[in-house]
Amino acid sequence: MKTIKFYLSFVAVFAMLFTSCSKDEDSGVNPDSQKASLTFGAIVQDLAAKTTNRQSAIGDMPDCSDEEAAYVEIVLMRGENEVVGTTDEPYRVDLVAGQVFTEEDAKLELTPGNYSLTHFSVYSADGTLLWLAPRGGALAEFVNNSLPLSIDLGAGVKKYVDVSVLCYDNRDVNQYGYQFFELDINEAFEFCFFANYCSTDGRHYPARYAVTLSIDGEILYEGVENNVGRNDDGDLYADAICFALPNLDEYGDNEAYIDYTLTLLDWTGETDAYGDVDPMVISGSLSRADVMANFSGNDDVEYEHFRFGCE
């Protein structure tokens, strides 16, 4: 009997030691070091049910395709850093066959923390853009949650995030809060505008102006204003404005397809600025050759100089 009691006591002590060691080992694990897993699902919003008294704000509703969704492209940020995908090259994640949620993906096993989804688009197998999550623009009000979407990832969790999307019909992408080059695989090149204003007495001023750009009536940029002010030497200045423009293969080198309008704006609040002005507009069109003519070397771009009211 004493032998049995001694044996049981030994087992109990051994078990306590083992438990103690296990706890010591567990206590050394940092919960924040455990990865979190992220899955996205696309929830297509019903525009028809949400357009009462609001349809006039955006014109015709986007048409929906019957094609089956195959994959999504995303950009996920942590703070100011792009951690999955980039604006220039969003990251592709395949959807589970026949479903509208993403497959498991090693890129979406992430360190716990706060993230932000800034781009979410859904494509068919042949690369046709079907659905898009608005992140501003006139269509943002038609979804439950527009981008950017905040995502809080805890250690060891498998988080499923629903993303509200709308059908995409190749309308002006500004309605969805995107620029064309974020969704179009065509190469973009840069063109810069600068302008002066000449008053009736012949004095030249740096101009404050707004630029609108379009292709076949589709707005690329609308009413973008340049920065103006006074520098450290006390002189008035105005910045040039540069735009990324689509280099479209269907147009010939000398075929003008990018329409621009510059509108002169009042410059008030400065004692030696030109103040209020009569409406004045400069408009025209650009070809690929026009844009490329302003390139100096591979990277430098010279601005195109325009003049309001100058001989």
C-alpha atoms as a PDB file:
ATOM      1  CA  MET A   1       0.000   0.000   0.000  1.00  0.00           C
ATOM      2  CA  LYS A   2       2.823   2.412   0.885  1.00  0.00           C
ATOM      3  CA  THR A   3       4.474   1.545  -2.391  1.00  0.00           C
ATOM      4  CA  ILE A   4       1.269   2.361  -4.316  1.00  0.00           C
ATOM      5  CA  LYS A   5       0.796   5.658  -2.421  1.00  0.00           C
ATOM      6  CA  PHE A   6       4.405   6.609  -3.112  1.00  0.00           C
ATOM      7  CA  TYR A   7       3.945   5.765  -6.781  1.00  0.00           C
ATOM      8  CA  LEU A   8       0.771   7.865  -7.047  1.00  0.00           C
ATOM      9  CA  SER A   9       2.495  10.750  -5.280  1.00  0.00           C
ATOM     10  CA  PHE A  10       5.374  10.556  -7.772  1.00  0.00           C
ATOM     11  CA  VAL A  11       2.950  10.594 -10.689  1.00  0.00           C
ATOM     12  CA  ALA A  12       1.154  13.636  -9.254  1.00  0.00           C
ATOM     13  CA  VAL A  13       4.410  15.525  -8.761  1.00  0.00           C
ATOM     14  CA  PHE A  14       5.549  14.622 -12.297  1.00  0.00           C
ATOM     15  CA  ALA A  15       2.222  15.806 -13.701  1.00  0.00           C
ATOM     16  CA  MET A  16       2.558  19.107 -11.849  1.00  0.00           C
ATOM     17  CA  LEU A  17       6.060  19.594 -13.215  1.00  0.00           C
ATOM     18  CA  PHE A  18       4.889  18.816 -16.739  1.00  0.00           C
ATOM     19  CA  THR A  19       1.971  21.234 -16.437  1.00  0.00           C
ATOM     20  CA  SER A  20       4.283  23.901 -15.076  1.00  0.00           C
ATOM     21  CA  CYS A  21       6.654  23.474 -18.022  1.00  0.00           C
ATOM     22  CA  SER A  22       3.786  23.629 -20.500  1.00  0.00           C
ATOM     23  CA  LYS A  23       2.516  26.862 -18.977  1.00  0.00           C
ATOM     24  CA  ASP A  24       5.995  28.370 -19.097  1.00  0.00           C
ATOM     25  CA  GLU A  25       6.255  27.459 -22.766  1.00  0.00           C
ATOM     26  CA  ASP A  26       2.771  28.854 -23.544  1.00  0.00           C
ATOM     27  CA  SER A  27       3.518  32.091 -21.744  1.00  0.00           C
ATOM     28  CA  GLY A  28       6.369  32.725 -24.146  1.00  0.00           C
ATOM     29  CA  VAL A  29       4.005  32.883 -27.161  1.00  0.00           C
ATOM     30  CA  ASN A  30       3.160  36.370 -28.343  1.00  0.00           C
ATOM     31  CA  PRO A  31      -0.510  36.404 -29.464  1.00  0.00           C
ATOM     32  CA  ASP A  32       0.288  39.181 -31.933  1.00  0.00           C
ATOM     33  CA  SER A  33       2.685  36.853 -33.744  1.00  0.00           C
ATOM     34  CA  GLN A  34      -0.185  34.579 -34.747  1.00  0.00           C
ATOM     35  CA  LYS A  35      -1.397  35.200 -38.270  1.00  0.00           C
ATOM     36  CA  ALA A  36      -4.944  36.176 -39.171  1.00  0.00           C
ATOM     37  CA  SER A  37      -6.664  34.833 -42.278  1.00  0.00           C
ATOM     38  CA  LEU A  38      -8.799  37.063 -44.490  1.00  0.00           C
ATOM     39  CA  THR A  39     -11.546  36.124 -46.950  1.00  0.00           C
ATOM     40  CA  PHE A  40     -13.610  38.521 -49.093  1.00  0.00           C
ATOM     41  CA  GLY A  41     -17.141  38.097 -50.364  1.00  0.00           C
ATOM     42  CA  ALA A  42     -18.868  40.280 -52.970  1.00  0.00           C
ATOM     43  CA  ILE A  43     -22.398  41.444 -52.216  1.00  0.00           C
ATOM     44  CA  VAL A  44     -24.051  42.851 -55.335  1.00  0.00           C
ATOM     45  CA  GLN A  45     -26.247  45.809 -54.417  1.00  0.00           C
ATOM     46  CA  ASP A  46     -29.675  46.221 -55.990  1.00  0.00           C
ATOM     47  CA  LEU A  47     -29.581  49.657 -57.600  1.00  0.00           C
ATOM     48  CA  ALA A  48     -33.165  49.474 -58.772  1.00  0.00           C
ATOM     49  CA  ALA A  49     -34.396  49.435 -55.172  1.00  0.00           C
ATOM     50  CA  LYS A  50     -32.277  52.441 -54.195  1.00  0.00           C
ATOM     51  CA  THR A  51     -32.825  54.921 -56.998  1.00  0.00           C
ATOM     52  CA  THR A  52     -36.027  56.592 -55.802  1.00  0.00           C
ATOM     53  CA  ASN A  53     -35.645  60.358 -56.332  1.00  0.00           C
ATOM     54  CA  ARG A  54     -31.905  59.906 -56.954  1.00  0.00           C
ATOM     55  CA  GLN A  55     -31.616  58.545 -60.480  1.00  0.00           C
ATOM     56  CA  SER A  56     -31.242  61.992 -62.015  1.00  0.00           C
ATOM     57  CA  ALA A  57     -27.968  62.461 -60.150  1.00  0.00           C
ATOM     58  CA  ILE A  58     -26.178  59.801 -62.190  1.00  0.00           C
ATOM     59  CA  GLY A  59     -28.248  59.321 -65.338  1.00  0.00           C
ATOM     60  CA  ASP A  60     -28.742  55.763 -66.605  1.00  0.00           C
ATOM     61  CA  MET A  61     -28.175  52.906 -64.203  1.00  0.00           C
ATOM     62  CA  PRO A  62     -25.228  50.552 -64.864  1.00  0.00           C
ATOM     63  CA  ASP A  63     -26.126  47.454 -66.876  1.00  0.00           C
ATOM     64  CA  CYS A  64     -25.322  44.054 -65.347  1.00  0.00           C
ATOM     65  CA  SER A  65     -23.588  41.235 -67.199  1.00  0.00           C
ATOM     66  CA  ASP A  66     -24.735  37.606 -67.095  1.00  0.00           C
ATOM     67  CA  GLU A  67     -21.134  36.351 -67.001  1.00  0.00           C
ATOM     68  CA  GLU A  68     -19.984  34.369 -63.976  1.00  0.00           C
ATOM     69  CA  ALA A  69     -17.531  35.990 -61.575  1.00  0.00           C
ATOM     70  CA  ALA A  70     -14.144  34.219 -61.430  1.00  0.00           C
ATOM     71  CA  TYR A  71     -11.704  36.390 -59.482  1.00  0.00           C
ATOM     72  CA  VAL A  72     -11.264  39.684 -57.670  1.00  0.00           C
ATOM     73  CA  GLU A  73      -8.506  42.286 -57.642  1.00  0.00           C
ATOM     74  CA  ILE A  74      -7.751  44.090 -54.395  1.00  0.00           C
ATOM     75  CA  VAL A  75      -5.482  46.649 -52.786  1.00  0.00           C
ATOM     76  CA  LEU A  76      -5.075  46.305 -49.036  1.00  0.00           C
ATOM     77  CA  MET A  77      -3.252  48.923 -46.995  1.00  0.00           C
ATOM     78  CA  ARG A  78      -1.892  49.137 -43.468  1.00  0.00           C
ATOM     79  CA  GLY A  79      -1.536  52.781 -42.564  1.00  0.00           C
ATOM     80  CA  GLU A  80       0.051  54.497 -45.546  1.00  0.00           C
ATOM     81  CA  ASN A  81       1.643  51.294 -46.897  1.00  0.00           C
ATOM     82  CA  GLU A  82       0.221  49.035 -49.594  1.00  0.00           C
ATOM     83  CA  VAL A  83       0.663  45.498 -48.209  1.00  0.00           C
ATOM     84  CA  VAL A  84      -1.354  43.430 -50.693  1.00  0.00           C
ATOM     85  CA  GLY A  85      -1.468  44.728 -54.272  1.00  0.00           C
ATOM     86  CA  THR A  86      -0.732  48.262 -55.431  1.00  0.00           C
ATOM     87  CA  THR A  87      -2.656  50.997 -57.217  1.00  0.00           C
ATOM     88  CA  ASP A  88      -0.676  50.223 -60.374  1.00  0.00           C
ATOM     89  CA  GLU A  89      -1.046  46.462 -59.981  1.00  0.00           C
ATOM     90  CA  PRO A  90      -3.889  45.229 -57.743  1.00  0.00           C
ATOM     91  CA  TYR A  91      -3.547  41.690 -56.383  1.00  0.00           C
ATOM     92  CA  ARG A  92      -5.641  38.905 -57.902  1.00  0.00           C
ATOM     93  CA  VAL A  93      -7.487  36.419 -55.682  1.00  0.00           C
ATOM     94  CA  ASP A  94      -9.556  33.649 -57.276  1.00  0.00           C
ATOM     95  CA  LEU A  95     -13.136  33.035 -56.177  1.00  0.00           C
ATOM     96  CA  VAL A  96     -14.303  29.620 -55.050  1.00  0.00           C
ATOM     97  CA  ALA A  97     -15.873  27.975 -58.117  1.00  0.00           C
ATOM     98  CA  GLY A  98     -19.543  28.897 -58.400  1.00  0.00           C
ATOM     99  CA  GLN A  99     -19.357  31.176 -55.336  1.00  0.00           C
ATOM    100  CA  VAL A 100     -18.745  34.871 -54.690  1.00  0.00           C
ATOM    101  CA  PHE A 101     -16.151  34.580 -51.934  1.00  0.00           C
ATOM    102  CA  THR A 102     -12.402  34.225 -52.296  1.00  0.00           C
ATOM    103  CA  GLU A 103     -10.305  31.105 -51.961  1.00  0.00           C
ATOM    104  CA  GLU A 104      -7.700  30.777 -49.221  1.00  0.00           C
ATOM    105  CA  ASP A 105      -4.598  32.691 -50.261  1.00  0.00           C
ATOM    106  CA  ALA A 106      -1.213  32.867 -48.567  1.00  0.00           C
ATOM    107  CA  LYS A 107      -1.024  36.625 -49.259  1.00  0.00           C
ATOM    108  CA  LEU A 108      -4.134  37.091 -47.110  1.00  0.00           C
ATOM    109  CA  GLU A 109      -2.555  35.458 -44.049  1.00  0.00           C
ATOM    110  CA  LEU A 110      -1.619  38.661 -42.285  1.00  0.00           C
ATOM    111  CA  THR A 111      -0.133  40.007 -39.081  1.00  0.00           C
ATOM    112  CA  PRO A 112      -2.908  41.132 -36.708  1.00  0.00           C
ATOM    113  CA  GLY A 113      -3.715  44.834 -36.879  1.00  0.00           C
ATOM    114  CA  ASN A 114      -5.819  47.468 -38.622  1.00  0.00           C
ATOM    115  CA  TYR A 115      -6.054  47.402 -42.412  1.00  0.00           C
ATOM    116  CA  SER A 116      -7.920  49.296 -45.103  1.00  0.00           C
ATOM    117  CA  LEU A 117      -9.365  47.908 -48.344  1.00  0.00           C
ATOM    118  CA  THR A 118      -8.987  50.637 -50.990  1.00  0.00           C
ATOM    119  CA  HIS A 119      -9.667  48.739 -54.232  1.00  0.00           C
ATOM    120  CA  PHE A 120     -12.061  45.866 -54.963  1.00  0.00           C
ATOM    121  CA  SER A 121     -13.095  44.785 -58.462  1.00  0.00           C
ATOM    122  CA  VAL A 122     -14.665  41.529 -59.677  1.00  0.00           C
ATOM    123  CA  TYR A 123     -13.875  39.933 -63.048  1.00  0.00           C
ATOM    124  CA  SER A 124     -15.051  37.086 -65.254  1.00  0.00           C
ATOM    125  CA  ALA A 125     -12.633  34.338 -66.319  1.00  0.00           C
ATOM    126  CA  ASP A 126     -11.828  36.230 -69.537  1.00  0.00           C
ATOM    127  CA  GLY A 127     -10.903  39.394 -67.642  1.00  0.00           C
ATOM    128  CA  THR A 128     -14.113  41.373 -68.156  1.00  0.00           C
ATOM    129  CA  LEU A 129     -14.819  43.743 -65.273  1.00  0.00           C
ATOM    130  CA  LEU A 130     -18.248  42.782 -63.888  1.00  0.00           C
ATOM    131  CA  TRP A 131     -18.661  44.448 -60.501  1.00  0.00           C
ATOM    132  CA  LEU A 132     -16.899  47.287 -58.729  1.00  0.00           C
ATOM    133  CA  ALA A 133     -16.921  48.543 -55.139  1.00  0.00           C
ATOM    134  CA  PRO A 134     -17.376  52.340 -55.231  1.00  0.00           C
ATOM    135  CA  ARG A 135     -14.952  54.430 -53.218  1.00  0.00           C
ATOM    136  CA  GLY A 136     -16.570  57.800 -53.806  1.00  0.00           C
ATOM    137  CA  GLY A 137     -18.277  59.466 -56.730  1.00  0.00           C
ATOM    138  CA  ALA A 138     -22.000  59.661 -57.380  1.00  0.00           C
ATOM    139  CA  LEU A 139     -22.512  55.900 -56.981  1.00  0.00           C
ATOM    140  CA  ALA A 140     -21.057  55.606 -53.466  1.00  0.00           C
ATOM    141  CA  GLU A 141     -24.421  56.411 -51.899  1.00  0.00           C
ATOM    142  CA  PHE A 142     -25.968  53.320 -53.494  1.00  0.00           C
ATOM    143  CA  VAL A 143     -23.976  50.792 -51.435  1.00  0.00           C
ATOM    144  CA  ASN A 144     -24.095  49.943 -47.745  1.00  0.00           C
ATOM    145  CA  ASN A 145     -20.381  50.567 -47.242  1.00  0.00           C
ATOM    146  CA  SER A 146     -18.170  52.271 -49.806  1.00  0.00           C
ATOM    147  CA  LEU A 147     -14.382  52.044 -49.867  1.00  0.00           C
ATOM    148  CA  PRO A 148     -12.046  52.532 -48.123  1.00  0.00           C
ATOM    149  CA  LEU A 149     -13.262  49.758 -45.832  1.00  0.00           C
ATOM    150  CA  SER A 150     -11.619  49.426 -42.402  1.00  0.00           C
ATOM    151  CA  ILE A 151     -10.715  45.879 -41.346  1.00  0.00           C
ATOM    152  CA  ASP A 152      -9.567  44.993 -37.819  1.00  0.00           C
ATOM    153  CA  LEU A 153      -7.741  41.647 -37.759  1.00  0.00           C
ATOM    154  CA  GLY A 154      -7.264  39.840 -34.446  1.00  0.00           C
ATOM    155  CA  ALA A 155      -4.652  37.160 -33.786  1.00  0.00           C
ATOM    156  CA  GLY A 156      -5.584  33.693 -34.983  1.00  0.00           C
ATOM    157  CA  VAL A 157      -8.944  34.669 -36.501  1.00  0.00           C
ATOM    158  CA  LYS A 158     -10.356  33.680 -39.893  1.00  0.00           C
ATOM    159  CA  LYS A 159     -12.197  36.853 -40.867  1.00  0.00           C
ATOM    160  CA  TYR A 160     -14.829  37.023 -43.580  1.00  0.00           C
ATOM    161  CA  VAL A 161     -15.457  40.508 -45.008  1.00  0.00           C
ATOM    162  CA  ASP A 162     -18.449  41.365 -47.193  1.00  0.00           C
ATOM    163  CA  VAL A 163     -17.809  44.056 -49.814  1.00  0.00           C
ATOM    164  CA  SER A 164     -20.693  45.940 -51.427  1.00  0.00           C
ATOM    165  CA  VAL A 165     -20.303  46.088 -55.211  1.00  0.00           C
ATOM    166  CA  LEU A 166     -22.241  47.517 -58.146  1.00  0.00           C
ATOM    167  CA  CYS A 167     -22.511  46.264 -61.708  1.00  0.00           C
ATOM    168  CA  TYR A 168     -20.015  47.906 -64.052  1.00  0.00           C
ATOM    169  CA  ASP A 169     -20.898  48.958 -67.587  1.00  0.00           C
ATOM    170  CA  ASN A 170     -17.824  50.911 -68.724  1.00  0.00           C
ATOM    171  CA  ARG A 171     -19.386  54.270 -67.860  1.00  0.00           C
ATOM    172  CA  ASP A 172     -17.249  57.150 -66.625  1.00  0.00           C
ATOM    173  CA  VAL A 173     -15.299  55.502 -63.815  1.00  0.00           C
ATOM    174  CA  ASN A 174     -15.347  58.749 -61.835  1.00  0.00           C
ATOM    175  CA  GLN A 175     -18.934  57.809 -60.976  1.00  0.00           C
ATOM    176  CA  TYR A 176     -17.407  54.962 -58.948  1.00  0.00           C
ATOM    177  CA  GLY A 177     -14.602  57.093 -57.489  1.00  0.00           C
ATOM    178  CA  TYR A 178     -11.796  55.667 -59.657  1.00  0.00           C
ATOM    179  CA  GLN A 179      -9.666  57.082 -62.459  1.00  0.00           C
ATOM    180  CA  PHE A 180      -9.660  55.264 -65.783  1.00  0.00           C
ATOM    181  CA  PHE A 181      -6.025  54.132 -65.534  1.00  0.00           C
ATOM    182  CA  GLU A 182      -6.746  52.271 -62.279  1.00  0.00           C
ATOM    183  CA  LEU A 183      -9.121  49.936 -64.116  1.00  0.00           C
ATOM    184  CA  ASP A 184      -7.805  49.989 -67.685  1.00  0.00           C
ATOM    185  CA  ILE A 185      -4.767  47.919 -68.625  1.00  0.00           C
ATOM    186  CA  ASN A 186      -3.802  50.375 -71.380  1.00  0.00           C
ATOM    187  CA  GLU A 187      -0.533  52.226 -70.909  1.00  0.00           C
ATOM    188  CA  ALA A 188      -0.892  55.731 -69.468  1.00  0.00           C
ATOM    189  CA  PHE A 189       1.379  58.618 -70.329  1.00  0.00           C
ATOM    190  CA  GLU A 190       1.671  62.119 -68.861  1.00  0.00           C
ATOM    191  CA  PHE A 191       0.750  65.562 -70.145  1.00  0.00           C
ATOM    192  CA  CYS A 192       1.154  68.848 -68.248  1.00  0.00           C
ATOM    193  CA  PHE A 193      -0.633  72.201 -68.591  1.00  0.00           C
ATOM    194  CA  PHE A 194       0.583  75.655 -67.614  1.00  0.00           C
ATOM    195  CA  ALA A 195      -1.115  78.984 -68.310  1.00  0.00           C
ATOM    196  CA  ASN A 196      -0.643  82.744 -68.109  1.00  0.00           C
ATOM    197  CA  TYR A 197      -3.232  85.502 -68.128  1.00  0.00           C
ATOM    198  CA  CYS A 198      -2.759  88.855 -69.857  1.00  0.00           C
ATOM    199  CA  SER A 199      -4.828  91.747 -68.545  1.00  0.00           C
ATOM    200  CA  THR A 200      -6.255  94.456 -70.790  1.00  0.00           C
ATOM    201  CA  ASP A 201      -3.300  96.704 -69.952  1.00  0.00           C
ATOM    202  CA  GLY A 202      -0.909  94.057 -71.309  1.00  0.00           C
ATOM    203  CA  ARG A 203       0.494  92.807 -68.001  1.00  0.00           C
ATOM    204  CA  HIS A 204       1.236  89.072 -67.752  1.00  0.00           C
ATOM    205  CA  TYR A 205       0.217  87.059 -64.697  1.00  0.00           C
ATOM    206  CA  PRO A 206       0.522  83.376 -63.749  1.00  0.00           C
ATOM    207  CA  ALA A 207      -3.017  82.070 -64.241  1.00  0.00           C
ATOM    208  CA  ARG A 208      -5.385  80.293 -61.898  1.00  0.00           C
ATOM    209  CA  TYR A 209      -7.391  77.850 -64.016  1.00  0.00           C
ATOM    210  CA  ALA A 210      -9.296  74.552 -64.113  1.00  0.00           C
ATOM    211  CA  VAL A 211      -8.818  71.679 -66.562  1.00  0.00           C
ATOM    212  CA  THR A 212     -11.375  69.184 -67.853  1.00  0.00           C
ATOM    213  CA  LEU A 213     -10.297  66.223 -70.027  1.00  0.00           C
ATOM    214  CA  SER A 214     -12.478  63.766 -71.924  1.00  0.00           C
ATOM    215  CA  ILE A 215     -12.473  61.110 -74.649  1.00  0.00           C
ATOM    216  CA  ASP A 216     -15.545  60.799 -76.876  1.00  0.00           C
ATOM    217  CA  GLY A 217     -17.592  62.668 -74.297  1.00  0.00           C
ATOM    218  CA  GLU A 218     -16.478  60.465 -71.395  1.00  0.00           C
ATOM    219  CA  ILE A 219     -14.960  62.625 -68.654  1.00  0.00           C
ATOM    220  CA  LEU A 220     -11.493  61.606 -67.464  1.00  0.00           C
ATOM    221  CA  TYR A 221     -10.890  64.587 -65.181  1.00  0.00           C
ATOM    222  CA  GLU A 222     -13.328  67.389 -64.455  1.00  0.00           C
ATOM    223  CA  GLY A 223     -12.598  70.871 -63.156  1.00  0.00           C
ATOM    224  CA  VAL A 224      -9.162  70.098 -61.709  1.00  0.00           C
ATOM    225  CA  GLU A 225      -7.653  73.351 -60.424  1.00  0.00           C
ATOM    226  CA  ASN A 226      -3.990  74.292 -60.222  1.00  0.00           C
ATOM    227  CA  ASN A 227      -2.286  75.483 -57.040  1.00  0.00           C
ATOM    228  CA  VAL A 228      -1.527  79.200 -56.762  1.00  0.00           C
ATOM    229  CA  GLY A 229      -0.002  81.394 -54.103  1.00  0.00           C
ATOM    230  CA  ARG A 230       2.900  83.623 -53.151  1.00  0.00           C
ATOM    231  CA  ASN A 231       6.465  82.313 -52.749  1.00  0.00           C
ATOM    232  CA  ASP A 232       9.105  83.237 -50.159  1.00  0.00           C
ATOM    233  CA  ASP A 233      10.309  86.122 -52.337  1.00  0.00           C
ATOM    234  CA  GLY A 234       6.842  87.639 -52.315  1.00  0.00           C
ATOM    235  CA  ASP A 235       6.095  86.798 -55.947  1.00  0.00           C
ATOM    236  CA  LEU A 236       2.854  85.292 -57.175  1.00  0.00           C
ATOM    237  CA  TYR A 237       3.159  81.789 -58.608  1.00  0.00           C
ATOM    238  CA  ALA A 238       0.967  79.159 -60.231  1.00  0.00           C
ATOM    239  CA  ASP A 239       1.785  75.464 -60.590  1.00  0.00           C
ATOM    240  CA  ALA A 240       1.441  73.410 -63.734  1.00  0.00           C
ATOM    241  CA  ILE A 241      -1.048  70.506 -63.618  1.00  0.00           C
ATOM    242  CA  CYS A 242      -0.037  67.061 -64.902  1.00  0.00           C
ATOM    243  CA  PHE A 243      -2.398  64.237 -65.850  1.00  0.00           C
ATOM    244  CA  ALA A 244      -2.042  60.542 -66.646  1.00  0.00           C
ATOM    245  CA  LEU A 245      -3.683  60.037 -70.045  1.00  0.00           C
ATOM    246  CA  PRO A 246      -4.533  56.791 -71.868  1.00  0.00           C
ATOM    247  CA  ASN A 247      -2.301  55.719 -74.741  1.00  0.00           C
ATOM    248  CA  LEU A 248      -4.978  54.026 -76.844  1.00  0.00           C
ATOM    249  CA  ASP A 249      -3.851  51.779 -79.695  1.00  0.00           C
ATOM    250  CA  GLU A 250      -7.053  52.250 -81.687  1.00  0.00           C
ATOM    251  CA  TYR A 251      -6.070  55.831 -82.504  1.00  0.00           C
ATOM    252  CA  GLY A 252      -3.324  56.748 -84.949  1.00  0.00           C
ATOM    253  CA  ASP A 253      -0.298  58.730 -83.832  1.00  0.00           C
ATOM    254  CA  ASN A 254      -1.635  61.984 -85.280  1.00  0.00           C
ATOM    255  CA  GLU A 255      -5.317  61.341 -84.579  1.00  0.00           C
ATOM    256  CA  ALA A 256      -6.590  63.703 -81.866  1.00  0.00           C
ATOM    257  CA  TYR A 257      -8.754  61.863 -79.305  1.00  0.00           C
ATOM    258  CA  ILE A 258      -8.131  63.553 -75.932  1.00  0.00           C
ATOM    259  CA  ASP A 259     -10.254  66.710 -75.621  1.00  0.00           C
ATOM    260  CA  TYR A 260      -9.267  69.400 -73.141  1.00  0.00           C
ATOM    261  CA  THR A 261     -10.834  72.579 -71.783  1.00  0.00           C
ATOM    262  CA  LEU A 262      -8.972  75.167 -69.693  1.00  0.00           C
ATOM    263  CA  THR A 263     -11.153  77.693 -67.857  1.00  0.00           C
ATOM    264  CA  LEU A 264      -9.656  80.880 -66.433  1.00  0.00           C
ATOM    265  CA  LEU A 265     -10.602  81.434 -62.774  1.00  0.00           C
ATOM    266  CA  ASP A 266     -10.675  84.547 -60.619  1.00  0.00           C
ATOM    267  CA  TRP A 267      -7.606  85.201 -58.457  1.00  0.00           C
ATOM    268  CA  THR A 268      -8.585  87.223 -55.433  1.00  0.00           C
ATOM    269  CA  GLY A 269      -7.109  87.793 -52.005  1.00  0.00           C
ATOM    270  CA  GLU A 270      -3.724  89.009 -53.276  1.00  0.00           C
ATOM    271  CA  THR A 271      -3.064  92.734 -53.619  1.00  0.00           C
ATOM    272  CA  ASP A 272      -1.165  92.475 -56.893  1.00  0.00           C
ATOM    273  CA  ALA A 273      -3.084  89.554 -58.456  1.00  0.00           C
ATOM    274  CA  TYR A 274      -5.487  90.106 -61.340  1.00  0.00           C
ATOM    275  CA  GLY A 275      -8.676  89.690 -59.254  1.00  0.00           C
ATOM    276  CA  ASP A 276     -12.015  88.943 -60.922  1.00  0.00           C
ATOM    277  CA  VAL A 277     -12.005  88.184 -64.638  1.00  0.00           C
ATOM    278  CA  ASP A 278     -14.548  87.690 -67.393  1.00  0.00           C
ATOM    279  CA  PRO A 279     -15.146  84.044 -68.371  1.00  0.00           C
ATOM    280  CA  MET A 280     -12.431  82.832 -70.721  1.00  0.00           C
ATOM    281  CA  VAL A 281     -11.921  79.311 -72.101  1.00  0.00           C
ATOM    282  CA  ILE A 282      -9.233  77.583 -74.156  1.00  0.00           C
ATOM    283  CA  SER A 283     -10.135  74.222 -75.692  1.00  0.00           C
ATOM    284  CA  GLY A 284      -8.589  71.743 -78.091  1.00  0.00           C
ATOM    285  CA  SER A 285      -7.641  68.131 -78.666  1.00  0.00           C
ATOM    286  CA  LEU A 286      -4.474  66.085 -78.287  1.00  0.00           C
ATOM    287  CA  SER A 287      -3.076  63.198 -80.306  1.00  0.00           C
ATOM    288  CA  ARG A 288      -0.479  60.685 -79.190  1.00  0.00           C
ATOM    289  CA  ALA A 289       2.100  62.664 -81.146  1.00  0.00           C
ATOM    290  CA  ASP A 290       1.127  65.855 -79.300  1.00  0.00           C
ATOM    291  CA  VAL A 291       1.628  64.189 -75.932  1.00  0.00           C
ATOM    292  CA  MET A 292       4.888  62.488 -76.863  1.00  0.00           C
ATOM    293  CA  ALA A 293       6.304  65.745 -78.260  1.00  0.00           C
ATOM    294  CA  ASN A 294       6.487  67.083 -74.707  1.00  0.00           C
ATOM    295  CA  PHE A 295       8.654  64.224 -73.463  1.00  0.00           C
ATOM    296  CA  SER A 296      12.307  65.052 -72.825  1.00  0.00           C
ATOM    297  CA  GLY A 297      14.194  61.771 -72.539  1.00  0.00           C
ATOM    298  CA  ASN A 298      12.492  58.736 -71.006  1.00  0.00           C
ATOM    299  CA  ASP A 299      11.029  60.361 -67.887  1.00  0.00           C
ATOM    300  CA  ASP A 300      10.980  64.172 -68.068  1.00  0.00           C
ATOM    301  CA  VAL A 301       7.867  65.902 -69.346  1.00  0.00           C
ATOM    302  CA  GLU A 302       7.772  69.540 -70.457  1.00  0.00           C
ATOM    303  CA  TYR A 303       4.492  71.358 -69.850  1.00  0.00           C
ATOM    304  CA  GLU A 304       2.334  72.822 -72.630  1.00  0.00           C
ATOM    305  CA  HIS A 305       2.109  76.602 -72.192  1.00  0.00           C
ATOM    306  CA  PHE A 306      -1.293  78.243 -72.746  1.00  0.00           C
ATOM    307  CA  ARG A 307      -2.159  81.969 -72.603  1.00  0.00           C
ATOM    308  CA  PHE A 308      -5.479  83.592 -71.734  1.00  0.00           C
ATOM    309  CA  GLY A 309      -6.006  86.944 -73.455  1.00  0.00           C
ATOM    310  CA  CYS A 310      -2.445  87.285 -74.697  1.00  0.00           C
ATOM    311  CA  GLU A 311      -1.475  88.243 -78.240  1.00  0.00           C
END
